[in-house]
PDB file of N, CA and C in Angstrom:
ATOM      1  N   MET A   1      70.591   9.364   1.441  1.00  0.00           N
ATOM      2  CA  MET A   1      69.993   9.754   2.698  1.00  0.00           C
ATOM      3  C   MET A   1      68.646   9.034   2.826  1.00  0.00           C
ATOM      4  N   THR A   2      68.353   8.551   4.013  1.00  0.00           N
ATOM      5  CA  THR A   2      67.100   7.806   4.217  1.00  0.00           C
ATOM      6  C   THR A   2      65.924   8.761   4.346  1.00  0.00           C
ATOM      7  N   ASN A   3      64.741   8.203   4.209  1.00  0.00           N
ATOM      8  CA  ASN A   3      63.526   9.007   4.350  1.00  0.00           C
ATOM      9  C   ASN A   3      63.408   9.606   5.743  1.00  0.00           C
ATOM     10  N   GLN A   4      63.813   8.850   6.732  1.00  0.00           N
ATOM     11  CA  GLN A   4      63.728   9.339   8.113  1.00  0.00           C
ATOM     12  C   GLN A   4      64.688  10.509   8.333  1.00  0.00           C
ATOM     13  N   ALA A   5      65.859  10.453   7.772  1.00  0.00           N
ATOM     14  CA  ALA A   5      66.828  11.545   7.898  1.00  0.00           C
ATOM     15  C   ALA A   5      66.313  12.802   7.196  1.00  0.00           C
ATOM     16  N   LEU A   6      65.690  12.629   6.017  1.00  0.00           N
ATOM     17  CA  LEU A   6      65.107  13.769   5.311  1.00  0.00           C
ATOM     18  C   LEU A   6      63.970  14.388   6.112  1.00  0.00           C
ATOM     19  N   LEU A   7      63.151  13.539   6.698  1.00  0.00           N
ATOM     20  CA  LEU A   7      62.039  14.022   7.508  1.00  0.00           C
ATOM     21  C   LEU A   7      62.557  14.849   8.696  1.00  0.00           C
ATOM     22  N   TRP A   8      63.577  14.354   9.395  1.00  0.00           N
ATOM     23  CA  TRP A   8      64.142  15.085  10.535  1.00  0.00           C
ATOM     24  C   TRP A   8      64.778  16.410  10.091  1.00  0.00           C
ATOM     25  N   ARG A   9      65.415  16.401   8.935  1.00  0.00           N
ATOM     26  CA  ARG A   9      66.039  17.617   8.422  1.00  0.00           C
ATOM     27  C   ARG A   9      64.976  18.699   8.170  1.00  0.00           C
ATOM     28  N   TRP A  10      63.880  18.331   7.489  1.00  0.00           N
ATOM     29  CA  TRP A  10      62.822  19.296   7.195  1.00  0.00           C
ATOM     30  C   TRP A  10      62.088  19.722   8.453  1.00  0.00           C
ATOM     31  N   LEU A  11      61.888  18.777   9.354  1.00  0.00           N
ATOM     32  CA  LEU A  11      61.216  19.104  10.614  1.00  0.00           C
ATOM     33  C   LEU A  11      62.055  20.083  11.438  1.00  0.00           C
ATOM     34  N   SER A  12      63.349  19.876  11.504  1.00  0.00           N
ATOM     35  CA  SER A  12      64.215  20.790  12.253  1.00  0.00           C
ATOM     36  C   SER A  12      64.250  22.168  11.604  1.00  0.00           C
ATOM     37  N   ARG A  13      64.223  22.228  10.291  1.00  0.00           N
ATOM     38  CA  ARG A  13      64.170  23.521   9.605  1.00  0.00           C
ATOM     39  C   ARG A  13      62.857  24.247   9.896  1.00  0.00           C
ATOM     40  N   LEU A  14      61.774  23.496   9.880  1.00  0.00           N
ATOM     41  CA  LEU A  14      60.463  24.072  10.160  1.00  0.00           C
ATOM     42  C   LEU A  14      60.404  24.635  11.578  1.00  0.00           C
ATOM     43  N   VAL A  15      60.922  23.900  12.530  1.00  0.00           N
ATOM     44  CA  VAL A  15      60.951  24.378  13.918  1.00  0.00           C
ATOM     45  C   VAL A  15      61.844  25.612  14.027  1.00  0.00           C
ATOM     46  N   GLY A  16      62.960  25.630  13.348  1.00  0.00           N
ATOM     47  CA  GLY A  16      63.855  26.790  13.355  1.00  0.00           C
ATOM     48  C   GLY A  16      63.195  28.031  12.780  1.00  0.00           C
ATOM     49  N   ILE A  17      62.484  27.861  11.692  1.00  0.00           N
ATOM     50  CA  ILE A  17      61.786  28.998  11.076  1.00  0.00           C
ATOM     51  C   ILE A  17      60.687  29.513  12.001  1.00  0.00           C
ATOM     52  N   ALA A  18      59.937  28.597  12.619  1.00  0.00           N
ATOM     53  CA  ALA A  18      58.880  29.007  13.555  1.00  0.00           C
ATOM     54  C   ALA A  18      59.476  29.787  14.723  1.00  0.00           C
ATOM     55  N   PHE A  19      60.619  29.347  15.221  1.00  0.00           N
ATOM     56  CA  PHE A  19      61.277  30.045  16.326  1.00  0.00           C
ATOM     57  C   PHE A  19      61.727  31.448  15.905  1.00  0.00           C
ATOM     58  N   LEU A  20      62.279  31.567  14.725  1.00  0.00           N
ATOM     59  CA  LEU A  20      62.707  32.880  14.229  1.00  0.00           C
ATOM     60  C   LEU A  20      61.518  33.822  14.032  1.00  0.00           C
ATOM     61  N   LEU A  21      60.400  33.307  13.565  1.00  0.00           N
ATOM     62  CA  LEU A  21      59.192  34.127  13.428  1.00  0.00           C
ATOM     63  C   LEU A  21      58.690  34.602  14.791  1.00  0.00           C
ATOM     64  N   TYR A  22      58.743  33.715  15.785  1.00  0.00           N
ATOM     65  CA  TYR A  22      58.350  34.099  17.146  1.00  0.00           C
ATOM     66  C   TYR A  22      59.258  35.213  17.662  1.00  0.00           C
ATOM     67  N   LEU A  23      60.550  35.081  17.473  1.00  0.00           N
ATOM     68  CA  LEU A  23      61.489  36.115  17.920  1.00  0.00           C
ATOM     69  C   LEU A  23      61.221  37.448  17.225  1.00  0.00           C
ATOM     70  N   ALA A  24      60.902  37.409  15.940  1.00  0.00           N
ATOM     71  CA  ALA A  24      60.595  38.639  15.202  1.00  0.00           C
ATOM     72  C   ALA A  24      59.324  39.287  15.755  1.00  0.00           C
ATOM     73  N   TYR A  25      58.302  38.486  16.040  1.00  0.00           N
ATOM     74  CA  TYR A  25      57.056  39.009  16.613  1.00  0.00           C
ATOM     75  C   TYR A  25      57.319  39.634  17.985  1.00  0.00           C
ATOM     76  N   PHE A  26      58.111  38.955  18.797  1.00  0.00           N
ATOM     77  CA  PHE A  26      58.444  39.461  20.133  1.00  0.00           C
ATOM     78  C   PHE A  26      59.200  40.786  20.023  1.00  0.00           C
ATOM     79  N   ALA A  27      60.184  40.857  19.154  1.00  0.00           N
ATOM     80  CA  ALA A  27      60.956  42.088  18.987  1.00  0.00           C
ATOM     81  C   ALA A  27      60.068  43.223  18.484  1.00  0.00           C
ATOM     82  N   PHE A  28      59.187  42.931  17.543  1.00  0.00           N
ATOM     83  CA  PHE A  28      58.264  43.946  17.030  1.00  0.00           C
ATOM     84  C   PHE A  28      57.338  44.439  18.141  1.00  0.00           C
ATOM     85  N   SER A  29      56.826  43.518  18.958  1.00  0.00           N
ATOM     86  CA  SER A  29      55.937  43.891  20.072  1.00  0.00           C
ATOM     87  C   SER A  29      56.652  44.794  21.072  1.00  0.00           C
ATOM     88  N   MET A  30      57.899  44.498  21.354  1.00  0.00           N
ATOM     89  CA  MET A  30      58.653  45.321  22.297  1.00  0.00           C
ATOM     90  C   MET A  30      58.967  46.695  21.696  1.00  0.00           C
ATOM     91  N   ALA A  31      59.310  46.719  20.427  1.00  0.00           N
ATOM     92  CA  ALA A  31      59.702  47.976  19.781  1.00  0.00           C
ATOM     93  C   ALA A  31      58.527  48.932  19.595  1.00  0.00           C
ATOM     94  N   THR A  32      57.325  48.404  19.420  1.00  0.00           N
ATOM     95  CA  THR A  32      56.162  49.257  19.169  1.00  0.00           C
ATOM     96  C   THR A  32      55.253  49.398  20.386  1.00  0.00           C
ATOM     97  N   GLY A  33      55.619  48.795  21.506  1.00  0.00           N
ATOM     98  CA  GLY A  33      54.778  48.811  22.694  1.00  0.00           C
ATOM     99  C   GLY A  33      54.525  50.199  23.259  1.00  0.00           C
ATOM    100  N   LYS A  34      55.537  51.031  23.269  1.00  0.00           N
ATOM    101  CA  LYS A  34      55.372  52.375  23.823  1.00  0.00           C
ATOM    102  C   LYS A  34      54.324  53.163  23.041  1.00  0.00           C
ATOM    103  N   ASP A  35      54.386  53.101  21.728  1.00  0.00           N
ATOM    104  CA  ASP A  35      53.413  53.827  20.911  1.00  0.00           C
ATOM    105  C   ASP A  35      51.997  53.313  21.134  1.00  0.00           C
ATOM    106  N   ARG A  36      51.843  51.978  21.166  1.00  0.00           N
ATOM    107  CA  ARG A  36      50.514  51.392  21.386  1.00  0.00           C
ATOM    108  C   ARG A  36      49.941  51.813  22.731  1.00  0.00           C
ATOM    109  N   MET A  37      50.751  51.708  23.769  1.00  0.00           N
ATOM    110  CA  MET A  37      50.243  51.982  25.111  1.00  0.00           C
ATOM    111  C   MET A  37      50.053  53.474  25.360  1.00  0.00           C
ATOM    112  N   THR A  38      50.887  54.311  24.786  1.00  0.00           N
ATOM    113  CA  THR A  38      50.693  55.752  24.923  1.00  0.00           C
ATOM    114  C   THR A  38      49.352  56.154  24.326  1.00  0.00           C
ATOM    115  N   GLU A  39      49.020  55.572  23.188  1.00  0.00           N
ATOM    116  CA  GLU A  39      47.730  55.852  22.553  1.00  0.00           C
ATOM    117  C   GLU A  39      46.569  55.407  23.447  1.00  0.00           C
ATOM    118  N   VAL A  40      46.684  54.229  24.035  1.00  0.00           N
ATOM    119  CA  VAL A  40      45.626  53.732  24.926  1.00  0.00           C
ATOM    120  C   VAL A  40      45.531  54.603  26.176  1.00  0.00           C
ATOM    121  N   CYS A  41      46.667  54.948  26.762  1.00  0.00           N
ATOM    122  CA  CYS A  41      46.666  55.780  27.975  1.00  0.00           C
ATOM    123  C   CYS A  41      46.033  57.143  27.708  1.00  0.00           C
ATOM    124  N   ASN A  42      46.226  57.669  26.515  1.00  0.00           N
ATOM    125  CA  ASN A  42      45.623  58.955  26.168  1.00  0.00           C
ATOM    126  C   ASN A  42      44.109  58.871  26.057  1.00  0.00           C
ATOM    127  N   GLN A  43      43.573  57.680  25.833  1.00  0.00           N
ATOM    128  CA  GLN A  43      42.124  57.487  25.770  1.00  0.00           C
ATOM    129  C   GLN A  43      41.488  57.447  27.158  1.00  0.00           C
ATOM    130  N   ILE A  44      42.290  57.221  28.180  1.00  0.00           N
ATOM    131  CA  ILE A  44      41.782  57.181  29.557  1.00  0.00           C
ATOM    132  C   ILE A  44      41.769  58.607  30.081  1.00  0.00           C
ATOM    133  N   ARG A  45      40.600  59.128  30.308  1.00  0.00           N
ATOM    134  CA  ARG A  45      40.417  60.532  30.696  1.00  0.00           C
ATOM    135  C   ARG A  45      40.073  60.660  32.170  1.00  0.00           C
ATOM    136  N   PRO A  46      40.541  61.725  32.814  1.00  0.00           N
ATOM    137  CA  PRO A  46      40.113  62.009  34.189  1.00  0.00           C
ATOM    138  C   PRO A  46      38.587  62.140  34.221  1.00  0.00           C
ATOM    139  N   GLY A  47      37.988  61.565  35.255  1.00  0.00           N
ATOM    140  CA  GLY A  47      36.535  61.585  35.393  1.00  0.00           C
ATOM    141  C   GLY A  47      35.863  60.343  34.847  1.00  0.00           C
ATOM    142  N   MET A  48      36.623  59.490  34.169  1.00  0.00           N
ATOM    143  CA  MET A  48      36.074  58.254  33.611  1.00  0.00           C
ATOM    144  C   MET A  48      35.738  57.292  34.748  1.00  0.00           C
ATOM    145  N   ALA A  49      34.567  56.685  34.688  1.00  0.00           N
ATOM    146  CA  ALA A  49      34.155  55.714  35.707  1.00  0.00           C
ATOM    147  C   ALA A  49      34.924  54.411  35.531  1.00  0.00           C
ATOM    148  N   ILE A  50      35.038  53.673  36.617  1.00  0.00           N
ATOM    149  CA  ILE A  50      35.796  52.420  36.594  1.00  0.00           C
ATOM    150  C   ILE A  50      35.178  51.419  35.620  1.00  0.00           C
ATOM    151  N   ASP A  51      33.865  51.440  35.448  1.00  0.00           N
ATOM    152  CA  ASP A  51      33.211  50.547  34.487  1.00  0.00           C
ATOM    153  C   ASP A  51      33.653  50.860  33.059  1.00  0.00           C
ATOM    154  N   GLN A  52      33.711  52.133  32.722  1.00  0.00           N
ATOM    155  CA  GLN A  52      34.175  52.543  31.390  1.00  0.00           C
ATOM    156  C   GLN A  52      35.644  52.176  31.202  1.00  0.00           C
ATOM    157  N   LEU A  53      36.420  52.336  32.250  1.00  0.00           N
ATOM    158  CA  LEU A  53      37.836  51.987  32.213  1.00  0.00           C
ATOM    159  C   LEU A  53      38.023  50.502  31.928  1.00  0.00           C
ATOM    160  N   MET A  54      37.226  49.662  32.562  1.00  0.00           N
ATOM    161  CA  MET A  54      37.335  48.216  32.363  1.00  0.00           C
ATOM    162  C   MET A  54      36.913  47.815  30.948  1.00  0.00           C
ATOM    163  N   ILE A  55      35.926  48.500  30.386  1.00  0.00           N
ATOM    164  CA  ILE A  55      35.514  48.227  29.000  1.00  0.00           C
ATOM    165  C   ILE A  55      36.653  48.577  28.045  1.00  0.00           C
ATOM    166  N   LEU A  56      37.274  49.734  28.254  1.00  0.00           N
ATOM    167  CA  LEU A  56      38.412  50.147  27.436  1.00  0.00           C
ATOM    168  C   LEU A  56      39.583  49.181  27.593  1.00  0.00           C
ATOM    169  N   ALA A  57      39.852  48.765  28.826  1.00  0.00           N
ATOM    170  CA  ALA A  57      40.955  47.842  29.088  1.00  0.00           C
ATOM    171  C   ALA A  57      40.719  46.502  28.391  1.00  0.00           C
ATOM    172  N   GLU A  58      39.514  45.987  28.475  1.00  0.00           N
ATOM    173  CA  GLU A  58      39.205  44.707  27.834  1.00  0.00           C
ATOM    174  C   GLU A  58      39.297  44.811  26.318  1.00  0.00           C
ATOM    175  N   ALA A  59      38.834  45.904  25.767  1.00  0.00           N
ATOM    176  CA  ALA A  59      38.881  46.097  24.315  1.00  0.00           C
ATOM    177  C   ALA A  59      40.314  46.158  23.794  1.00  0.00           C
ATOM    178  N   ASN A  60      41.257  46.566  24.640  1.00  0.00           N
ATOM    179  CA  ASN A  60      42.658  46.699  24.229  1.00  0.00           C
ATOM    180  C   ASN A  60      43.549  45.599  24.794  1.00  0.00           C
ATOM    181  N   GLY A  61      42.956  44.588  25.409  1.00  0.00           N
ATOM    182  CA  GLY A  61      43.728  43.454  25.911  1.00  0.00           C
ATOM    183  C   GLY A  61      44.598  43.779  27.111  1.00  0.00           C
ATOM    184  N   LEU A  62      44.121  44.676  27.961  1.00  0.00           N
ATOM    185  CA  LEU A  62      44.886  45.060  29.147  1.00  0.00           C
ATOM    186  C   LEU A  62      44.378  44.317  30.367  1.00  0.00           C
ATOM    187  N   GLY A  63      45.234  44.110  31.332  1.00  0.00           N
ATOM    188  CA  GLY A  63      44.839  43.454  32.571  1.00  0.00           C
ATOM    189  C   GLY A  63      45.373  44.237  33.740  1.00  0.00           C
ATOM    190  N   PRO A  64      44.892  44.058  34.929  1.00  0.00           N
ATOM    191  CA  PRO A  64      43.950  43.008  35.340  1.00  0.00           C
ATOM    192  C   PRO A  64      42.541  43.296  34.858  1.00  0.00           C
ATOM    193  N   ARG A  65      41.755  42.243  34.798  1.00  0.00           N
ATOM    194  CA  ARG A  65      40.404  42.347  34.246  1.00  0.00           C
ATOM    195  C   ARG A  65      39.395  42.944  35.226  1.00  0.00           C
ATOM    196  N   GLN A  66      39.658  42.885  36.505  1.00  0.00           N
ATOM    197  CA  GLN A  66      38.712  43.396  37.496  1.00  0.00           C
ATOM    198  C   GLN A  66      39.410  44.349  38.463  1.00  0.00           C
ATOM    199  N   LEU A  67      38.773  45.487  38.705  1.00  0.00           N
ATOM    200  CA  LEU A  67      39.241  46.439  39.708  1.00  0.00           C
ATOM    201  C   LEU A  67      38.056  46.755  40.611  1.00  0.00           C
ATOM    202  N   SER A  68      38.312  46.906  41.887  1.00  0.00           N
ATOM    203  CA  SER A  68      37.227  47.247  42.813  1.00  0.00           C
ATOM    204  C   SER A  68      37.127  48.766  42.943  1.00  0.00           C
ATOM    205  N   ALA A  69      36.005  49.212  43.475  1.00  0.00           N
ATOM    206  CA  ALA A  69      35.783  50.653  43.633  1.00  0.00           C
ATOM    207  C   ALA A  69      36.777  51.274  44.615  1.00  0.00           C
ATOM    208  N   GLY A  70      37.358  50.472  45.510  1.00  0.00           N
ATOM    209  CA  GLY A  70      38.314  50.976  46.482  1.00  0.00           C
ATOM    210  C   GLY A  70      39.739  51.057  45.983  1.00  0.00           C
ATOM    211  N   THR A  71      39.974  50.655  44.757  1.00  0.00           N
ATOM    212  CA  THR A  71      41.322  50.680  44.186  1.00  0.00           C
ATOM    213  C   THR A  71      41.804  52.121  44.029  1.00  0.00           C
ATOM    214  N   LYS A  72      43.010  52.395  44.510  1.00  0.00           N
ATOM    215  CA  LYS A  72      43.592  53.741  44.409  1.00  0.00           C
ATOM    216  C   LYS A  72      44.583  53.860  43.249  1.00  0.00           C
ATOM    217  N   LEU A  73      45.300  52.774  42.962  1.00  0.00           N
ATOM    218  CA  LEU A  73      46.318  52.780  41.921  1.00  0.00           C
ATOM    219  C   LEU A  73      46.269  51.457  41.181  1.00  0.00           C
ATOM    220  N   ALA A  74      46.258  51.521  39.853  1.00  0.00           N
ATOM    221  CA  ALA A  74      46.231  50.306  39.044  1.00  0.00           C
ATOM    222  C   ALA A  74      47.199  50.455  37.874  1.00  0.00           C
ATOM    223  N   TYR A  75      47.825  49.352  37.544  1.00  0.00           N
ATOM    224  CA  TYR A  75      48.660  49.288  36.347  1.00  0.00           C
ATOM    225  C   TYR A  75      47.940  48.379  35.364  1.00  0.00           C
ATOM    226  N   LEU A  76      47.418  48.958  34.306  1.00  0.00           N
ATOM    227  CA  LEU A  76      46.747  48.183  33.267  1.00  0.00           C
ATOM    228  C   LEU A  76      47.792  47.811  32.231  1.00  0.00           C
ATOM    229  N   ALA A  77      48.242  46.567  32.305  1.00  0.00           N
ATOM    230  CA  ALA A  77      49.387  46.118  31.511  1.00  0.00           C
ATOM    231  C   ALA A  77      48.946  45.367  30.266  1.00  0.00           C
ATOM    232  N   GLU A  78      49.771  45.466  29.254  1.00  0.00           N
ATOM    233  CA  GLU A  78      49.541  44.800  27.983  1.00  0.00           C
ATOM    234  C   GLU A  78      50.141  43.398  28.030  1.00  0.00           C
ATOM    235  N   ALA A  79      49.320  42.399  27.780  1.00  0.00           N
ATOM    236  CA  ALA A  79      49.796  41.018  27.798  1.00  0.00           C
ATOM    237  C   ALA A  79      50.784  40.750  26.668  1.00  0.00           C
ATOM    238  N   ARG A  80      50.603  41.418  25.546  1.00  0.00           N
ATOM    239  CA  ARG A  80      51.460  41.207  24.374  1.00  0.00           C
ATOM    240  C   ARG A  80      52.927  41.489  24.676  1.00  0.00           C
ATOM    241  N   SER A  81      53.187  42.442  25.562  1.00  0.00           N
ATOM    242  CA  SER A  81      54.573  42.766  25.927  1.00  0.00           C
ATOM    243  C   SER A  81      54.924  42.204  27.304  1.00  0.00           C
ATOM    244  N   PHE A  82      54.157  41.222  27.746  1.00  0.00           N
ATOM    245  CA  PHE A  82      54.387  40.555  29.026  1.00  0.00           C
ATOM    246  C   PHE A  82      54.384  41.536  30.196  1.00  0.00           C
ATOM    247  N   GLY A  83      53.542  42.551  30.097  1.00  0.00           N
ATOM    248  CA  GLY A  83      53.362  43.513  31.183  1.00  0.00           C
ATOM    249  C   GLY A  83      54.391  44.624  31.239  1.00  0.00           C
ATOM    250  N   ARG A  84      55.325  44.664  30.316  1.00  0.00           N
ATOM    251  CA  ARG A  84      56.355  45.713  30.354  1.00  0.00           C
ATOM    252  C   ARG A  84      55.776  47.094  30.055  1.00  0.00           C
ATOM    253  N   HIS A  85      54.825  47.156  29.144  1.00  0.00           N
ATOM    254  CA  HIS A  85      54.203  48.425  28.778  1.00  0.00           C
ATOM    255  C   HIS A  85      52.829  48.476  29.439  1.00  0.00           C
ATOM    256  N   ALA A  86      52.555  49.573  30.157  1.00  0.00           N
ATOM    257  CA  ALA A  86      51.304  49.657  30.905  1.00  0.00           C
ATOM    258  C   ALA A  86      50.854  51.102  31.062  1.00  0.00           C
ATOM    259  N   CYS A  87      49.630  51.242  31.514  1.00  0.00           N
ATOM    260  CA  CYS A  87      49.098  52.545  31.901  1.00  0.00           C
ATOM    261  C   CYS A  87      49.019  52.572  33.423  1.00  0.00           C
ATOM    262  N   ARG A  88      49.584  53.581  34.011  1.00  0.00           N
ATOM    263  CA  ARG A  88      49.500  53.786  35.459  1.00  0.00           C
ATOM    264  C   ARG A  88      48.280  54.670  35.684  1.00  0.00           C
ATOM    265  N   VAL A  89      47.257  54.101  36.322  1.00  0.00           N
ATOM    266  CA  VAL A  89      45.987  54.796  36.496  1.00  0.00           C
ATOM    267  C   VAL A  89      45.749  55.057  37.982  1.00  0.00           C
ATOM    268  N   GLU A  90      45.593  56.327  38.322  1.00  0.00           N
ATOM    269  CA  GLU A  90      45.254  56.707  39.689  1.00  0.00           C
ATOM    270  C   GLU A  90      43.751  56.919  39.766  1.00  0.00           C
ATOM    271  N   LEU A  91      43.130  56.309  40.793  1.00  0.00           N
ATOM    272  CA  LEU A  91      41.687  56.371  40.955  1.00  0.00           C
ATOM    273  C   LEU A  91      41.331  56.915  42.337  1.00  0.00           C
ATOM    274  N   ASP A  92      40.145  57.457  42.443  1.00  0.00           N
ATOM    275  CA  ASP A  92      39.620  57.908  43.731  1.00  0.00           C
ATOM    276  C   ASP A  92      38.117  57.681  43.713  1.00  0.00           C
ATOM    277  N   GLY A  93      37.654  56.758  44.542  1.00  0.00           N
ATOM    278  CA  GLY A  93      36.226  56.469  44.613  1.00  0.00           C
ATOM    279  C   GLY A  93      35.672  55.880  43.333  1.00  0.00           C
ATOM    280  N   GLY A  94      36.468  55.109  42.618  1.00  0.00           N
ATOM    281  CA  GLY A  94      36.016  54.487  41.380  1.00  0.00           C
ATOM    282  C   GLY A  94      36.032  55.409  40.181  1.00  0.00           C
ATOM    283  N   ILE A  95      36.670  56.571  40.304  1.00  0.00           N
ATOM    284  CA  ILE A  95      36.768  57.553  39.224  1.00  0.00           C
ATOM    285  C   ILE A  95      38.246  57.782  38.910  1.00  0.00           C
ATOM    286  N   VAL A  96      38.580  57.828  37.629  1.00  0.00           N
ATOM    287  CA  VAL A  96      39.964  58.041  37.196  1.00  0.00           C
ATOM    288  C   VAL A  96      40.375  59.484  37.503  1.00  0.00           C
ATOM    289  N   LYS A  97      41.519  59.617  38.164  1.00  0.00           N
ATOM    290  CA  LYS A  97      42.108  60.941  38.426  1.00  0.00           C
ATOM    291  C   LYS A  97      43.181  61.274  37.390  1.00  0.00           C
ATOM    292  N   SER A  98      43.994  60.267  37.015  1.00  0.00           N
ATOM    293  CA  SER A  98      45.014  60.484  35.999  1.00  0.00           C
ATOM    294  C   SER A  98      45.468  59.146  35.432  1.00  0.00           C
ATOM    295  N   ALA A  99      46.024  59.194  34.234  1.00  0.00           N
ATOM    296  CA  ALA A  99      46.560  57.994  33.585  1.00  0.00           C
ATOM    297  C   ALA A  99      47.814  58.387  32.807  1.00  0.00           C
ATOM    298  N   THR A 100      48.885  57.660  33.025  1.00  0.00           N
ATOM    299  CA  THR A 100      50.144  57.933  32.327  1.00  0.00           C
ATOM    300  C   THR A 100      50.759  56.619  31.864  1.00  0.00           C
ATOM    301  N   TYR A 101      51.577  56.722  30.811  1.00  0.00           N
ATOM    302  CA  TYR A 101      52.298  55.560  30.307  1.00  0.00           C
ATOM    303  C   TYR A 101      53.358  55.153  31.324  1.00  0.00           C
ATOM    304  N   ASN A 102      53.568  53.817  31.470  1.00  0.00           N
ATOM    305  CA  ASN A 102      54.578  53.311  32.389  1.00  0.00           C
ATOM    306  C   ASN A 102      55.317  52.153  31.730  1.00  0.00           C
ATOM    307  N   PHE A 103      56.651  52.174  31.843  1.00  0.00           N
ATOM    308  CA  PHE A 103      57.473  51.083  31.324  1.00  0.00           C
ATOM    309  C   PHE A 103      58.122  50.377  32.504  1.00  0.00           C
ATOM    310  N   ALA A 104      57.888  49.091  32.629  1.00  0.00           N
ATOM    311  CA  ALA A 104      58.437  48.311  33.743  1.00  0.00           C
ATOM    312  C   ALA A 104      59.497  47.367  33.216  1.00  0.00           C
ATOM    313  N   ASP A 105      60.733  47.615  33.606  1.00  0.00           N
ATOM    314  CA  ASP A 105      61.802  46.718  33.215  1.00  0.00           C
ATOM    315  C   ASP A 105      62.854  46.650  34.277  1.00  0.00           C
TER     316      ASP A 105
END
């Protein structure tokens, strides 16, 4: 076998292993997303100001990054699960009224 053939063989194996690791990470993220987001949603309390909410969202990697004071309903989604796991946050006058876990699929 030539050096070039050996190189392609190892390179293809390396790419295959990297792909399998990505799939495992994706599956793990999907399987544990509900627990992660339920915990975050429980940290969002009624009466919390929108500024505090945005600090909590940023600390946990949730988006969108900016909400205006006039926002009535927001879904703070986790980028790790491509937005499937989120917190549904109801606001009134820039103050949190309620927050619940939401699964979008």
